[in-house]
Amino acid sequence: MDEPVDFTEIAILAYEGAQTAAVLGMTDLLTAAAGIASQQHGVSEPALGVSHWTRANGDDAPARVFSFDPAGQAGHPTVIVVPPGLGDPLPETEARYYAAWLRSEHSRGVGLCSICKGAFLLGETGLLAGRTVTTHWTYEENFVARFPDVNLNTDRLIIDDGDILTAGGVMAWVDLSLILIERFLGSMIMLETARAFLVDPPGREQSYYSAFSPRLNHGDNAILKVQHWLQASGGKELSLAGLAGHAGLDPRTFMRRFKKATGHTAGEYIQRLRIESARDLLQSSREPVDAIAWKVHYSDPSSFRKIFTRIIGLTPAEYRQRFRMRSPRNLARG
């Protein structure tokens, strides 16, 4: 391993409502990695430290309230992590206090990270404008409404944009921690830490877990009528003429209004409805993949496999292996 030249301080922002499990869990993972680097790889001085920062009432900026830094090398953090939160995202008025500090630290060259709802706090800095980021898929509509100048991709679990790294999902702090360990201590230390904690190295995607949640509160009754029809039929209809006729619109108007209302083209919307049905069948049944393809209205099983893999990020067989429901008898056997 190439030994790091500089000391790295990972600062975790323990704002009001931050998930305690994430704050403490990241601390454990990161300090364990520093210990592995020191004890097993001959790093003479701690190469990585962890600190917690919080803001007392009336203070303009957060302050360091805890530090794991045996050598006393900490100055400005190298990276600041905004962990997931419990409950609603911080109100804008409260988030602005943290946002000013985050902007200031970023201007010094400090990297910024967010996990799950932490992206809302990071969004208040204005530093995400024009970037592609992620958060938990259930917050997509809320996030887009609050930060329309940010490109959101909730299929991804981790999006690394160099100086800003965002993670979706409450438990994505595990993946983020391992990525930071790899970045500052190297791949070998990251893999040894993952093995020690019995967790998978980074590589999962949020699309493995997220359900398709159609937007239904857009107020376009003609499009809503088509959505209900597609839901009832499992996305059987795919012809533009049939969809537009059901909405009582000409095809061009239908395409424009459908995309505006749902955020998807009609074709992509139908594919996602079908794939969602296929996911349920792969989890709950033992039917062959080809039979499932026919059930969800694909006449060509090869096309079904390609579309499933594009949307989910796993092949149907890989998805079934990972997520198939097991019977109580099988669970008892381990």
Foldseek 3Di string as FASTA:
>chain_A
DPAFPAAAEEEEEPEPQFDPCLLVVLQVLQVVLQVCCVPPVPPPARRYKYWYWYDDPPDLETDTPDIDHVVPPDDQHQEYEYADGPDDQDPLVVLVSHLVVVLVSVVVVRAYEYAASSVVSPVSNVPQFPHEEEEAPVCVVVVCVVRVRHHYDHQFQWDCPPRYIYGYDNPCSLQVSLVVCCVRPNDVSSVVSCVVVVHDHDDDTSLLPDADDWQQPQPLVLLNQLVVVCLVVLLQDDDLVVSCVSSVHPSVVVQVVNCVRGVDGSNVVSLRSLLNQLLVCLQEHPDDQCVSCVVSNHPDSVVNQVSNCVRRVDGSVVSSVVHHDDDPVVVVVD
